[in-house]
Amino acid sequence: HDVAIIDGKPEILSTFGYVHEALG
């Protein structure tokens, strides 16, 4: 995953959501 630190905490910029949607 690609992750940024925003307001001191990790924020994922990428997502596996599209994969999950395709695979149910």
mmCIF file of all heavy atoms, coordinates in Angstrom:
data_MODEL
# 
_entry.id   MODEL 
# 
loop_
_atom_site.group_PDB 
_atom_site.id 
_atom_site.type_symbol 
_atom_site.label_atom_id 
_atom_site.label_alt_id 
_atom_site.label_comp_id 
_atom_site.label_asym_id 
_atom_site.label_entity_id 
_atom_site.label_seq_id 
_atom_site.pdbx_PDB_ins_code 
_atom_site.Cartn_x 
_atom_site.Cartn_y 
_atom_site.Cartn_z 
_atom_site.occupancy 
_atom_site.B_iso_or_equiv 
_atom_site.pdbx_formal_charge 
_atom_site.auth_seq_id 
_atom_site.auth_comp_id 
_atom_site.auth_asym_id 
_atom_site.auth_atom_id 
_atom_site.pdbx_PDB_model_num 
ATOM 1   N N   . HIS A 1 1  ? 0.842   -1.197  0.000  1.00 0.00 ? 1  HIS A N   1 
ATOM 2   C CA  . HIS A 1 1  ? 0.000   0.000   0.000  1.00 0.00 ? 1  HIS A CA  1 
ATOM 3   C C   . HIS A 1 1  ? 0.881   1.251   0.000  1.00 0.00 ? 1  HIS A C   1 
ATOM 4   O O   . HIS A 1 1  ? 2.007   1.241   0.521  1.00 0.00 ? 1  HIS A O   1 
ATOM 5   C CB  . HIS A 1 1  ? -0.881  0.064   1.246  1.00 0.00 ? 1  HIS A CB  1 
ATOM 6   C CG  . HIS A 1 1  ? -2.251  -0.506  1.082  1.00 0.00 ? 1  HIS A CG  1 
ATOM 7   N ND1 . HIS A 1 1  ? -3.072  -0.204  0.009  1.00 0.00 ? 1  HIS A ND1 1 
ATOM 8   C CD2 . HIS A 1 1  ? -2.980  -1.344  1.890  1.00 0.00 ? 1  HIS A CD2 1 
ATOM 9   C CE1 . HIS A 1 1  ? -4.238  -0.824  0.157  1.00 0.00 ? 1  HIS A CE1 1 
ATOM 10  N NE2 . HIS A 1 1  ? -4.202  -1.524  1.277  1.00 0.00 ? 1  HIS A NE2 1 
ATOM 11  N N   . ASP A 1 2  ? 0.343   2.350   -0.562 1.00 0.00 ? 2  ASP A N   1 
ATOM 12  C CA  . ASP A 1 2  ? 0.955   3.679   -0.461 1.00 0.00 ? 2  ASP A CA  1 
ATOM 13  C C   . ASP A 1 2  ? 0.288   4.408   0.701  1.00 0.00 ? 2  ASP A C   1 
ATOM 14  O O   . ASP A 1 2  ? -0.944  4.506   0.739  1.00 0.00 ? 2  ASP A O   1 
ATOM 15  C CB  . ASP A 1 2  ? 0.739   4.476   -1.743 1.00 0.00 ? 2  ASP A CB  1 
ATOM 16  C CG  . ASP A 1 2  ? 1.296   3.766   -2.976 1.00 0.00 ? 2  ASP A CG  1 
ATOM 17  O OD1 . ASP A 1 2  ? 2.161   2.887   -2.813 1.00 0.00 ? 2  ASP A OD1 1 
ATOM 18  O OD2 . ASP A 1 2  ? 0.862   4.098   -4.096 1.00 0.00 ? 2  ASP A OD2 1 
ATOM 19  N N   . VAL A 1 3  ? 1.097   4.928   1.620  1.00 0.00 ? 3  VAL A N   1 
ATOM 20  C CA  . VAL A 1 3  ? 0.558   5.505   2.852  1.00 0.00 ? 3  VAL A CA  1 
ATOM 21  C C   . VAL A 1 3  ? 1.223   6.842   3.162  1.00 0.00 ? 3  VAL A C   1 
ATOM 22  O O   . VAL A 1 3  ? 2.453   6.960   3.097  1.00 0.00 ? 3  VAL A O   1 
ATOM 23  C CB  . VAL A 1 3  ? 0.770   4.552   4.052  1.00 0.00 ? 3  VAL A CB  1 
ATOM 24  C CG1 . VAL A 1 3  ? -0.085  4.988   5.240  1.00 0.00 ? 3  VAL A CG1 1 
ATOM 25  C CG2 . VAL A 1 3  ? 0.457   3.102   3.682  1.00 0.00 ? 3  VAL A CG2 1 
ATOM 26  N N   . ALA A 1 4  ? 0.410   7.839   3.503  1.00 0.00 ? 4  ALA A N   1 
ATOM 27  C CA  . ALA A 1 4  ? 0.913   9.152   3.916  1.00 0.00 ? 4  ALA A CA  1 
ATOM 28  C C   . ALA A 1 4  ? 0.682   9.348   5.409  1.00 0.00 ? 4  ALA A C   1 
ATOM 29  O O   . ALA A 1 4  ? -0.192  8.706   6.007  1.00 0.00 ? 4  ALA A O   1 
ATOM 30  C CB  . ALA A 1 4  ? 0.197   10.249  3.134  1.00 0.00 ? 4  ALA A CB  1 
ATOM 31  N N   . ILE A 1 5  ? 1.449   10.245  5.997  1.00 0.00 ? 5  ILE A N   1 
ATOM 32  C CA  . ILE A 1 5  ? 1.173   10.663  7.374  1.00 0.00 ? 5  ILE A CA  1 
ATOM 33  C C   . ILE A 1 5  ? 0.464   12.008  7.313  1.00 0.00 ? 5  ILE A C   1 
ATOM 34  O O   . ILE A 1 5  ? 1.031   13.013  6.872  1.00 0.00 ? 5  ILE A O   1 
ATOM 35  C CB  . ILE A 1 5  ? 2.451   10.764  8.221  1.00 0.00 ? 5  ILE A CB  1 
ATOM 36  C CG1 . ILE A 1 5  ? 3.123   9.388   8.330  1.00 0.00 ? 5  ILE A CG1 1 
ATOM 37  C CG2 . ILE A 1 5  ? 2.132   11.307  9.615  1.00 0.00 ? 5  ILE A CG2 1 
ATOM 38  C CD1 . ILE A 1 5  ? 4.389   9.377   9.167  1.00 0.00 ? 5  ILE A CD1 1 
ATOM 39  N N   . ILE A 1 6  ? -0.802  12.009  7.727  1.00 0.00 ? 6  ILE A N   1 
ATOM 40  C CA  . ILE A 1 6  ? -1.636  13.215  7.732  1.00 0.00 ? 6  ILE A CA  1 
ATOM 41  C C   . ILE A 1 6  ? -2.197  13.406  9.142  1.00 0.00 ? 6  ILE A C   1 
ATOM 42  O O   . ILE A 1 6  ? -2.767  12.478  9.722  1.00 0.00 ? 6  ILE A O   1 
ATOM 43  C CB  . ILE A 1 6  ? -2.797  13.101  6.718  1.00 0.00 ? 6  ILE A CB  1 
ATOM 44  C CG1 . ILE A 1 6  ? -2.244  12.921  5.291  1.00 0.00 ? 6  ILE A CG1 1 
ATOM 45  C CG2 . ILE A 1 6  ? -3.692  14.325  6.786  1.00 0.00 ? 6  ILE A CG2 1 
ATOM 46  C CD1 . ILE A 1 6  ? -3.320  12.726  4.236  1.00 0.00 ? 6  ILE A CD1 1 
ATOM 47  N N   . ASP A 1 7  ? -2.003  14.603  9.697  1.00 0.00 ? 7  ASP A N   1 
ATOM 48  C CA  . ASP A 1 7  ? -2.420  14.886  11.070 1.00 0.00 ? 7  ASP A CA  1 
ATOM 49  C C   . ASP A 1 7  ? -1.833  13.863  12.039 1.00 0.00 ? 7  ASP A C   1 
ATOM 50  O O   . ASP A 1 7  ? -2.482  13.434  13.001 1.00 0.00 ? 7  ASP A O   1 
ATOM 51  C CB  . ASP A 1 7  ? -3.951  14.912  11.195 1.00 0.00 ? 7  ASP A CB  1 
ATOM 52  C CG  . ASP A 1 7  ? -4.575  16.060  10.416 1.00 0.00 ? 7  ASP A CG  1 
ATOM 53  O OD1 . ASP A 1 7  ? -3.900  17.096  10.241 1.00 0.00 ? 7  ASP A OD1 1 
ATOM 54  O OD2 . ASP A 1 7  ? -5.727  15.926  9.967  1.00 0.00 ? 7  ASP A OD2 1 
ATOM 55  N N   . GLY A 1 8  ? -0.592  13.465  11.736 1.00 0.00 ? 8  GLY A N   1 
ATOM 56  C CA  . GLY A 1 8  ? 0.133   12.584  12.636 1.00 0.00 ? 8  GLY A CA  1 
ATOM 57  C C   . GLY A 1 8  ? -0.165  11.110  12.493 1.00 0.00 ? 8  GLY A C   1 
ATOM 58  O O   . GLY A 1 8  ? 0.471   10.282  13.147 1.00 0.00 ? 8  GLY A O   1 
ATOM 59  N N   . LYS A 1 9  ? -1.139  10.750  11.651 1.00 0.00 ? 9  LYS A N   1 
ATOM 60  C CA  . LYS A 1 9  ? -1.607  9.364   11.562 1.00 0.00 ? 9  LYS A CA  1 
ATOM 61  C C   . LYS A 1 9  ? -1.484  8.835   10.132 1.00 0.00 ? 9  LYS A C   1 
ATOM 62  O O   . LYS A 1 9  ? -1.427  9.614   9.180  1.00 0.00 ? 9  LYS A O   1 
ATOM 63  C CB  . LYS A 1 9  ? -3.065  9.281   12.017 1.00 0.00 ? 9  LYS A CB  1 
ATOM 64  C CG  . LYS A 1 9  ? -3.304  9.728   13.451 1.00 0.00 ? 9  LYS A CG  1 
ATOM 65  C CD  . LYS A 1 9  ? -4.772  9.644   13.818 1.00 0.00 ? 9  LYS A CD  1 
ATOM 66  C CE  . LYS A 1 9  ? -5.617  10.620  13.015 1.00 0.00 ? 9  LYS A CE  1 
ATOM 67  N NZ  . LYS A 1 9  ? -7.038  10.638  13.457 1.00 0.00 ? 9  LYS A NZ  1 
ATOM 68  N N   . PRO A 1 10 ? -1.499  7.501   9.979  1.00 0.00 ? 10 PRO A N   1 
ATOM 69  C CA  . PRO A 1 10 ? -1.403  6.925   8.635  1.00 0.00 ? 10 PRO A CA  1 
ATOM 70  C C   . PRO A 1 10 ? -2.697  7.083   7.847  1.00 0.00 ? 10 PRO A C   1 
ATOM 71  O O   . PRO A 1 10 ? -3.793  6.838   8.370  1.00 0.00 ? 10 PRO A O   1 
ATOM 72  C CB  . PRO A 1 10 ? -1.103  5.449   8.903  1.00 0.00 ? 10 PRO A CB  1 
ATOM 73  C CG  . PRO A 1 10 ? -1.664  5.174   10.257 1.00 0.00 ? 10 PRO A CG  1 
ATOM 74  C CD  . PRO A 1 10 ? -1.517  6.449   11.025 1.00 0.00 ? 10 PRO A CD  1 
ATOM 75  N N   . GLU A 1 11 ? -2.564  7.484   6.600  1.00 0.00 ? 11 GLU A N   1 
ATOM 76  C CA  . GLU A 1 11 ? -3.685  7.602   5.673  1.00 0.00 ? 11 GLU A CA  1 
ATOM 77  C C   . GLU A 1 11 ? -3.321  6.823   4.407  1.00 0.00 ? 11 GLU A C   1 
ATOM 78  O O   . GLU A 1 11 ? -2.365  7.167   3.700  1.00 0.00 ? 11 GLU A O   1 
ATOM 79  C CB  . GLU A 1 11 ? -3.947  9.067   5.331  1.00 0.00 ? 11 GLU A CB  1 
ATOM 80  C CG  . GLU A 1 11 ? -4.914  9.298   4.184  1.00 0.00 ? 11 GLU A CG  1 
ATOM 81  C CD  . GLU A 1 11 ? -6.370  9.423   4.630  1.00 0.00 ? 11 GLU A CD  1 
ATOM 82  O OE1 . GLU A 1 11 ? -6.623  9.368   5.838  1.00 0.00 ? 11 GLU A OE1 1 
ATOM 83  O OE2 . GLU A 1 11 ? -7.235  9.576   3.753  1.00 0.00 ? 11 GLU A OE2 1 
ATOM 84  N N   . ILE A 1 12 ? -4.077  5.755   4.116  1.00 0.00 ? 12 ILE A N   1 
ATOM 85  C CA  . ILE A 1 12 ? -3.824  4.953   2.921  1.00 0.00 ? 12 ILE A CA  1 
ATOM 86  C C   . ILE A 1 12 ? -4.285  5.717   1.689  1.00 0.00 ? 12 ILE A C   1 
ATOM 87  O O   . ILE A 1 12 ? -5.436  6.156   1.614  1.00 0.00 ? 12 ILE A O   1 
ATOM 88  C CB  . ILE A 1 12 ? -4.535  3.591   3.011  1.00 0.00 ? 12 ILE A CB  1 
ATOM 89  C CG1 . ILE A 1 12 ? -3.953  2.756   4.146  1.00 0.00 ? 12 ILE A CG1 1 
ATOM 90  C CG2 . ILE A 1 12 ? -4.396  2.831   1.693  1.00 0.00 ? 12 ILE A CG2 1 
ATOM 91  C CD1 . ILE A 1 12 ? -4.615  1.402   4.312  1.00 0.00 ? 12 ILE A CD1 1 
ATOM 92  N N   . LEU A 1 13 ? -3.380  5.875   0.723  1.00 0.00 ? 13 LEU A N   1 
ATOM 93  C CA  . LEU A 1 13 ? -3.713  6.571   -0.519 1.00 0.00 ? 13 LEU A CA  1 
ATOM 94  C C   . LEU A 1 13 ? -4.219  5.606   -1.578 1.00 0.00 ? 13 LEU A C   1 
ATOM 95  O O   . LEU A 1 13 ? -5.010  5.986   -2.443 1.00 0.00 ? 13 LEU A O   1 
ATOM 96  C CB  . LEU A 1 13 ? -2.488  7.320   -1.050 1.00 0.00 ? 13 LEU A CB  1 
ATOM 97  C CG  . LEU A 1 13 ? -1.825  8.301   -0.079 1.00 0.00 ? 13 LEU A CG  1 
ATOM 98  C CD1 . LEU A 1 13 ? -0.636  8.990   -0.763 1.00 0.00 ? 13 LEU A CD1 1 
ATOM 99  C CD2 . LEU A 1 13 ? -2.816  9.333   0.435  1.00 0.00 ? 13 LEU A CD2 1 
ATOM 100 N N   . SER A 1 14 ? -3.737  4.377   -1.535 1.00 0.00 ? 14 SER A N   1 
ATOM 101 C CA  . SER A 1 14 ? -4.179  3.327   -2.451 1.00 0.00 ? 14 SER A CA  1 
ATOM 102 C C   . SER A 1 14 ? -5.368  2.595   -1.827 1.00 0.00 ? 14 SER A C   1 
ATOM 103 O O   . SER A 1 14 ? -5.756  2.870   -0.697 1.00 0.00 ? 14 SER A O   1 
ATOM 104 C CB  . SER A 1 14 ? -3.028  2.353   -2.715 1.00 0.00 ? 14 SER A CB  1 
ATOM 105 O OG  . SER A 1 14 ? -2.403  1.957   -1.501 1.00 0.00 ? 14 SER A OG  1 
ATOM 106 N N   . THR A 1 15 ? -5.939  1.656   -2.571 1.00 0.00 ? 15 THR A N   1 
ATOM 107 C CA  . THR A 1 15 ? -7.017  0.838   -2.018 1.00 0.00 ? 15 THR A CA  1 
ATOM 108 C C   . THR A 1 15 ? -7.056  -0.515  -2.708 1.00 0.00 ? 15 THR A C   1 
ATOM 109 O O   . THR A 1 15 ? -6.760  -0.620  -3.907 1.00 0.00 ? 15 THR A O   1 
ATOM 110 C CB  . THR A 1 15 ? -8.394  1.513   -2.154 1.00 0.00 ? 15 THR A CB  1 
ATOM 111 O OG1 . THR A 1 15 ? -9.392  0.677   -1.567 1.00 0.00 ? 15 THR A OG1 1 
ATOM 112 C CG2 . THR A 1 15 ? -8.765  1.771   -3.613 1.00 0.00 ? 15 THR A CG2 1 
ATOM 113 N N   . PHE A 1 16 ? -7.419  -1.541  -1.953 1.00 0.00 ? 16 PHE A N   1 
ATOM 114 C CA  . PHE A 1 16 ? -7.721  -2.842  -2.541 1.00 0.00 ? 16 PHE A CA  1 
ATOM 115 C C   . PHE A 1 16 ? -9.212  -2.961  -2.836 1.00 0.00 ? 16 PHE A C   1 
ATOM 116 O O   . PHE A 1 16 ? -9.685  -4.028  -3.218 1.00 0.00 ? 16 PHE A O   1 
ATOM 117 C CB  . PHE A 1 16 ? -7.291  -3.966  -1.598 1.00 0.00 ? 16 PHE A CB  1 
ATOM 118 C CG  . PHE A 1 16 ? -5.807  -4.053  -1.363 1.00 0.00 ? 16 PHE A CG  1 
ATOM 119 C CD1 . PHE A 1 16 ? -5.307  -4.528  -0.153 1.00 0.00 ? 16 PHE A CD1 1 
ATOM 120 C CD2 . PHE A 1 16 ? -4.896  -3.678  -2.343 1.00 0.00 ? 16 PHE A CD2 1 
ATOM 121 C CE1 . PHE A 1 16 ? -3.948  -4.624  0.072  1.00 0.00 ? 16 PHE A CE1 1 
ATOM 122 C CE2 . PHE A 1 16 ? -3.524  -3.762  -2.127 1.00 0.00 ? 16 PHE A CE2 1 
ATOM 123 C CZ  . PHE A 1 16 ? -3.047  -4.247  -0.911 1.00 0.00 ? 16 PHE A CZ  1 
ATOM 124 N N   . GLY A 1 17 ? -9.947  -1.877  -2.662 1.00 0.00 ? 17 GLY A N   1 
ATOM 125 C CA  . GLY A 1 17 ? -11.396 -1.911  -2.829 1.00 0.00 ? 17 GLY A CA  1 
ATOM 126 C C   . GLY A 1 17 ? -11.832 -2.354  -4.214 1.00 0.00 ? 17 GLY A C   1 
ATOM 127 O O   . GLY A 1 17 ? -12.828 -3.079  -4.354 1.00 0.00 ? 17 GLY A O   1 
ATOM 128 N N   . TYR A 1 18 ? -11.117 -1.934  -5.248 1.00 0.00 ? 18 TYR A N   1 
ATOM 129 C CA  . TYR A 1 18 ? -11.486 -2.317  -6.614 1.00 0.00 ? 18 TYR A CA  1 
ATOM 130 C C   . TYR A 1 18 ? -11.260 -3.816  -6.836 1.00 0.00 ? 18 TYR A C   1 
ATOM 131 O O   . TYR A 1 18 ? -12.042 -4.473  -7.529 1.00 0.00 ? 18 TYR A O   1 
ATOM 132 C CB  . TYR A 1 18 ? -10.689 -1.501  -7.637 1.00 0.00 ? 18 TYR A CB  1 
ATOM 133 C CG  . TYR A 1 18 ? -11.000 -0.024  -7.591 1.00 0.00 ? 18 TYR A CG  1 
ATOM 134 C CD1 . TYR A 1 18 ? -10.137 0.861   -6.951 1.00 0.00 ? 18 TYR A CD1 1 
ATOM 135 C CD2 . TYR A 1 18 ? -12.155 0.490   -8.176 1.00 0.00 ? 18 TYR A CD2 1 
ATOM 136 C CE1 . TYR A 1 18 ? -10.417 2.226   -6.894 1.00 0.00 ? 18 TYR A CE1 1 
ATOM 137 C CE2 . TYR A 1 18 ? -12.437 1.849   -8.132 1.00 0.00 ? 18 TYR A CE2 1 
ATOM 138 C CZ  . TYR A 1 18 ? -11.570 2.701   -7.481 1.00 0.00 ? 18 TYR A CZ  1 
ATOM 139 O OH  . TYR A 1 18 ? -11.846 4.048   -7.423 1.00 0.00 ? 18 TYR A OH  1 
ATOM 140 N N   . VAL A 1 19 ? -10.184 -4.352  -6.247 1.00 0.00 ? 19 VAL A N   1 
ATOM 141 C CA  . VAL A 1 19 ? -9.947  -5.791  -6.311 1.00 0.00 ? 19 VAL A CA  1 
ATOM 142 C C   . VAL A 1 19 ? -11.044 -6.538  -5.567 1.00 0.00 ? 19 VAL A C   1 
ATOM 143 O O   . VAL A 1 19 ? -11.615 -7.515  -6.068 1.00 0.00 ? 19 VAL A O   1 
ATOM 144 C CB  . VAL A 1 19 ? -8.563  -6.142  -5.724 1.00 0.00 ? 19 VAL A CB  1 
ATOM 145 C CG1 . VAL A 1 19 ? -8.397  -7.651  -5.599 1.00 0.00 ? 19 VAL A CG1 1 
ATOM 146 C CG2 . VAL A 1 19 ? -7.449  -5.555  -6.576 1.00 0.00 ? 19 VAL A CG2 1 
ATOM 147 N N   . HIS A 1 20 ? -11.349 -6.075  -4.363 1.00 0.00 ? 20 HIS A N   1 
ATOM 148 C CA  . HIS A 1 20 ? -12.381 -6.738  -3.561 1.00 0.00 ? 20 HIS A CA  1 
ATOM 149 C C   . HIS A 1 20 ? -13.726 -6.728  -4.270 1.00 0.00 ? 20 HIS A C   1 
ATOM 150 O O   . HIS A 1 20 ? -14.450 -7.734  -4.274 1.00 0.00 ? 20 HIS A O   1 
ATOM 151 C CB  . HIS A 1 20 ? -12.507 -6.046  -2.198 1.00 0.00 ? 20 HIS A CB  1 
ATOM 152 C CG  . HIS A 1 20 ? -11.303 -6.221  -1.333 1.00 0.00 ? 20 HIS A CG  1 
ATOM 153 N ND1 . HIS A 1 20 ? -11.048 -5.431  -0.232 1.00 0.00 ? 20 HIS A ND1 1 
ATOM 154 C CD2 . HIS A 1 20 ? -10.273 -7.097  -1.397 1.00 0.00 ? 20 HIS A CD2 1 
ATOM 155 C CE1 . HIS A 1 20 ? -9.923  -5.815  0.339  1.00 0.00 ? 20 HIS A CE1 1 
ATOM 156 N NE2 . HIS A 1 20 ? -9.431  -6.823  -0.345 1.00 0.00 ? 20 HIS A NE2 1 
ATOM 157 N N   . GLU A 1 21 ? -14.050 -5.600  -4.888 1.00 0.00 ? 21 GLU A N   1 
ATOM 158 C CA  . GLU A 1 21 ? -15.315 -5.492  -5.615 1.00 0.00 ? 21 GLU A CA  1 
ATOM 159 C C   . GLU A 1 21 ? -15.354 -6.509  -6.757 1.00 0.00 ? 21 GLU A C   1 
ATOM 160 O O   . GLU A 1 21 ? -16.361 -7.197  -6.964 1.00 0.00 ? 21 GLU A O   1 
ATOM 161 C CB  . GLU A 1 21 ? -15.483 -4.074  -6.154 1.00 0.00 ? 21 GLU A CB  1 
ATOM 162 C CG  . GLU A 1 21 ? -16.818 -3.811  -6.826 1.00 0.00 ? 21 GLU A CG  1 
ATOM 163 C CD  . GLU A 1 21 ? -16.949 -2.352  -7.265 1.00 0.00 ? 21 GLU A CD  1 
ATOM 164 O OE1 . GLU A 1 21 ? -16.024 -1.842  -7.929 1.00 0.00 ? 21 GLU A OE1 1 
ATOM 165 O OE2 . GLU A 1 21 ? -17.979 -1.745  -6.961 1.00 0.00 ? 21 GLU A OE2 1 
ATOM 166 N N   . ALA A 1 22 ? -14.258 -6.626  -7.496 1.00 0.00 ? 22 ALA A N   1 
ATOM 167 C CA  . ALA A 1 22 ? -14.199 -7.556  -8.626 1.00 0.00 ? 22 ALA A CA  1 
ATOM 168 C C   . ALA A 1 22 ? -14.296 -9.004  -8.170 1.00 0.00 ? 22 ALA A C   1 
ATOM 169 O O   . ALA A 1 22 ? -14.873 -9.847  -8.875 1.00 0.00 ? 22 ALA A O   1 
ATOM 170 C CB  . ALA A 1 22 ? -12.907 -7.341  -9.412 1.00 0.00 ? 22 ALA A CB  1 
ATOM 171 N N   . LEU A 1 23 ? -13.743 -9.308  -6.995 1.00 0.00 ? 23 LEU A N   1 
ATOM 172 C CA  . LEU A 1 23 ? -13.698 -10.682 -6.507 1.00 0.00 ? 23 LEU A CA  1 
ATOM 173 C C   . LEU A 1 23 ? -14.852 -11.016 -5.562 1.00 0.00 ? 23 LEU A C   1 
ATOM 174 O O   . LEU A 1 23 ? -14.943 -12.146 -5.070 1.00 0.00 ? 23 LEU A O   1 
ATOM 175 C CB  . LEU A 1 23 ? -12.359 -10.939 -5.791 1.00 0.00 ? 23 LEU A CB  1 
ATOM 176 C CG  . LEU A 1 23 ? -11.104 -10.787 -6.654 1.00 0.00 ? 23 LEU A CG  1 
ATOM 177 C CD1 . LEU A 1 23 ? -9.859  -11.053 -5.823 1.00 0.00 ? 23 LEU A CD1 1 
ATOM 178 C CD2 . LEU A 1 23 ? -11.149 -11.707 -7.861 1.00 0.00 ? 23 LEU A CD2 1 
ATOM 179 N N   . GLY A 1 24 ? -15.715 -10.042 -5.289 1.00 0.00 ? 24 GLY A N   1 
ATOM 180 C CA  . GLY A 1 24 ? -16.843 -10.283 -4.391 1.00 0.00 ? 24 GLY A CA  1 
ATOM 181 C C   . GLY A 1 24 ? -16.440 -10.411 -2.936 1.00 0.00 ? 24 GLY A C   1 
ATOM 182 O O   . GLY A 1 24 ? -17.101 -11.104 -2.150 1.00 0.00 ? 24 GLY A O   1 
# 
